[in-house]
Protein backbone atom coordinates (compact mmCIF):
# COMPACT_ATOMS: atom_id res chain seq x y z
CA MET A 1 2.99 36.54 77.63
CA ASN A 2 -0.72 35.73 78.03
CA LEU A 3 -0.39 32.92 75.45
CA PHE A 4 2.52 31.51 77.45
CA LYS A 5 0.40 31.42 80.63
CA ASN A 6 -2.46 29.71 78.79
CA LEU A 7 -0.12 27.09 77.34
CA LEU A 8 1.37 26.53 80.78
CA VAL A 9 -2.09 25.89 82.24
CA LEU A 10 -2.89 23.48 79.41
CA ALA A 11 0.38 21.62 79.92
CA ALA A 12 -0.29 21.33 83.66
CA MET A 13 -3.76 19.91 83.04
CA VAL A 14 -2.41 17.35 80.58
CA LEU A 15 0.29 16.33 83.06
CA ILE A 16 -2.26 16.00 85.85
CA SER A 17 -4.59 13.93 83.68
CA LEU A 18 -1.74 11.54 82.85
CA THR A 19 -1.04 10.90 86.53
CA VAL A 20 -4.56 9.67 87.32
CA THR A 21 -4.47 6.02 88.36
CA ALA A 22 -7.13 3.43 89.13
CA GLN A 23 -7.89 2.60 92.76
CA ASP A 24 -8.47 -1.13 92.67
CA SER A 25 -10.04 -3.84 90.54
CA GLN A 26 -13.41 -3.66 92.34
CA SER A 27 -13.96 0.06 91.65
CA LYS A 28 -12.62 -0.44 88.11
CA GLN A 29 -15.45 -2.88 87.43
CA SER A 30 -18.02 -0.32 88.56
CA GLY A 31 -17.26 1.79 85.47
CA GLY A 32 -15.96 4.99 87.02
CA ALA A 33 -15.88 7.15 90.09
CA ASN A 34 -18.80 9.07 91.57
CA PHE A 35 -18.73 12.65 90.30
CA SER A 36 -19.82 15.40 92.67
CA GLY A 37 -22.52 16.76 90.34
CA PRO A 38 -25.72 18.45 91.61
CA GLY A 39 -25.32 20.54 94.74
CA THR A 40 -21.84 21.75 93.78
CA LEU A 41 -20.89 25.45 93.74
CA ASN A 42 -17.97 26.18 91.38
CA ILE A 43 -16.16 29.53 91.57
CA GLY A 44 -13.14 30.57 89.54
CA PHE A 45 -11.07 33.30 87.99
CA THR A 46 -11.41 33.48 84.20
CA SER A 47 -9.31 34.66 81.30
CA GLY A 48 -10.44 34.97 77.70
CA PHE A 49 -8.14 34.24 74.79
CA SER A 50 -9.63 36.43 72.07
CA ASN A 51 -9.83 39.84 73.78
CA ASN A 52 -7.68 39.50 76.93
CA THR A 53 -10.61 39.48 79.33
CA LEU A 54 -10.23 38.87 83.04
CA GLY A 55 -13.08 38.03 85.34
CA VAL A 56 -14.76 35.74 87.79
CA GLN A 57 -17.41 33.11 87.15
CA ALA A 58 -19.60 31.05 89.44
CA ASP A 59 -22.00 28.26 88.65
CA TYR A 60 -24.19 26.07 90.81
CA GLU A 61 -24.95 22.60 89.48
CA ILE A 62 -28.71 22.31 89.94
CA ALA A 63 -29.79 19.10 88.25
CA GLN A 64 -28.52 15.90 86.73
CA LEU A 65 -29.57 15.37 83.10
CA GLY A 66 -29.04 11.69 82.45
CA GLN A 67 -26.31 9.51 83.87
CA ASP A 68 -23.28 11.77 83.37
CA PHE A 69 -24.69 15.24 82.58
CA THR A 70 -25.45 18.20 84.85
CA VAL A 71 -26.83 21.69 84.29
CA GLY A 72 -26.28 24.70 86.48
CA ALA A 73 -27.08 28.38 86.74
CA SER A 74 -24.03 30.48 85.85
CA LEU A 75 -23.01 34.08 86.49
CA ALA A 76 -19.84 35.78 85.21
CA TYR A 77 -18.28 39.23 85.48
CA GLN A 78 -15.70 40.13 82.83
CA SER A 79 -13.45 43.14 82.27
CA TRP A 80 -11.27 44.04 79.29
CA GLN A 81 -9.63 47.04 77.64
CA ASN A 82 -9.64 48.04 73.96
CA HIS A 83 -7.01 50.73 73.40
CA ASP A 84 -8.03 53.51 75.85
CA ASP A 85 -11.57 52.20 76.39
CA LYS A 86 -12.24 50.04 79.48
CA ASN A 87 -15.19 47.66 79.27
CA ASN A 88 -16.96 45.25 81.56
CA SER A 89 -19.97 42.98 81.32
CA LEU A 90 -22.16 40.67 83.36
CA ALA A 91 -23.14 37.34 81.83
CA VAL A 92 -26.08 35.24 83.01
CA GLY A 93 -26.83 31.77 81.68
CA ALA A 94 -26.37 28.05 82.11
CA ARG A 95 -23.35 25.77 82.27
CA PHE A 96 -23.67 22.18 81.10
CA ARG A 97 -21.15 19.54 82.17
CA TRP A 98 -20.59 16.06 80.83
CA TYR A 99 -18.65 14.07 83.41
CA ALA A 100 -16.57 11.63 81.37
CA ASP A 101 -15.23 9.56 84.30
CA ARG A 102 -17.35 6.51 83.46
CA VAL A 103 -16.68 6.67 79.71
CA LEU A 104 -12.92 7.15 80.23
CA ASN A 105 -12.93 4.54 83.04
CA ILE A 106 -11.38 6.94 85.54
CA THR A 107 -12.00 5.28 88.88
CA HIS A 108 -9.99 7.50 91.19
CA GLN A 109 -12.38 9.03 93.75
CA LYS A 110 -10.36 12.26 94.03
CA TRP A 111 -10.69 13.20 90.31
CA ASP A 112 -13.49 14.22 87.95
CA VAL A 113 -12.93 14.93 84.26
CA PHE A 114 -15.57 16.77 82.25
CA ALA A 115 -16.45 18.73 79.14
CA SER A 116 -18.34 21.97 79.70
CA GLY A 117 -20.44 24.35 77.70
CA ASP A 118 -21.84 27.79 78.59
CA ILE A 119 -24.75 29.59 76.99
CA GLY A 120 -26.46 32.79 78.09
CA PHE A 121 -26.81 36.53 77.76
CA ASN A 122 -24.03 39.09 78.03
CA ILE A 123 -25.19 42.37 79.58
CA GLY A 124 -22.98 45.36 78.74
CA ALA A 125 -20.94 43.70 75.99
CA PRO A 126 -21.02 44.37 72.24
CA ASN A 127 -22.26 40.82 71.62
CA ALA A 128 -25.38 39.91 73.63
CA LEU A 129 -24.76 36.18 73.24
CA TRP A 130 -22.47 34.61 75.83
CA TRP A 131 -21.06 31.17 75.11
CA GLY A 132 -18.04 29.00 75.76
CA ILE A 133 -16.80 25.43 75.55
CA GLY A 134 -14.00 23.61 77.30
CA ILE A 135 -12.60 20.56 79.01
CA GLY A 136 -11.74 20.46 82.65
CA GLY A 137 -11.02 18.57 85.79
CA LYS A 138 -11.80 18.66 89.48
CA TYR A 139 -9.58 17.44 92.29
CA HIS A 140 -11.47 16.69 95.52
CA ILE A 141 -9.40 17.64 98.57
CA ASN A 142 -12.15 16.13 100.72
CA GLU A 143 -15.92 15.56 100.40
CA LYS A 144 -16.73 19.28 100.77
CA ILE A 145 -14.05 21.24 98.87
CA GLY A 146 -11.73 20.87 95.92
CA LEU A 147 -9.89 22.55 93.05
CA GLN A 148 -11.06 22.90 89.46
CA ALA A 149 -9.65 24.04 86.11
CA ILE A 150 -11.16 24.45 82.64
CA ILE A 151 -9.47 25.25 79.33
CA GLY A 152 -11.19 25.90 76.02
CA SER A 153 -12.56 29.11 74.55
CA GLY A 154 -11.12 30.67 77.72
CA ALA A 155 -9.45 29.45 80.88
CA GLN A 156 -10.75 29.14 84.43
CA ILE A 157 -9.07 28.10 87.65
CA GLY A 158 -10.85 27.98 90.97
CA ILE A 159 -12.43 25.98 93.74
CA HIS A 160 -15.62 24.00 94.20
CA PHE A 161 -17.79 23.34 97.24
CA ASN A 162 -20.20 20.45 97.71
CA LEU A 163 -23.13 21.95 99.57
């Protein structure tokens, strides 16, 4: 059942990405839309594929690293169960995002498409290294709030705030 939900999320993201259209010829020449980037707080519910984890993760995009890259401080709480043993952990680290709007020539101002990577320390888990990779998208409802989703080594769905 969990695999079915994950495939459903992936299918929805693919469908959404296929519906993105260009705004006009002038913004198309500019080479892509403006991503929200630094100053954005991203919060979402997470699910892991390998050990059926559930949790919540938040990251705050602190700085821009080059034209399309950002880095942010990240914090995640995860919970899972192995047989009769309940476990939980707290992960602290960094999330890197590569906003691919310019490279993919996505000029729609409501959408951002990105690849993400997490690295950090897992406190209270058998493996002290915390990492993850994925692809995702953000839909901007307005200039201050929007929706986000990431799929990769896990799945995340949530909201983002431009502070």
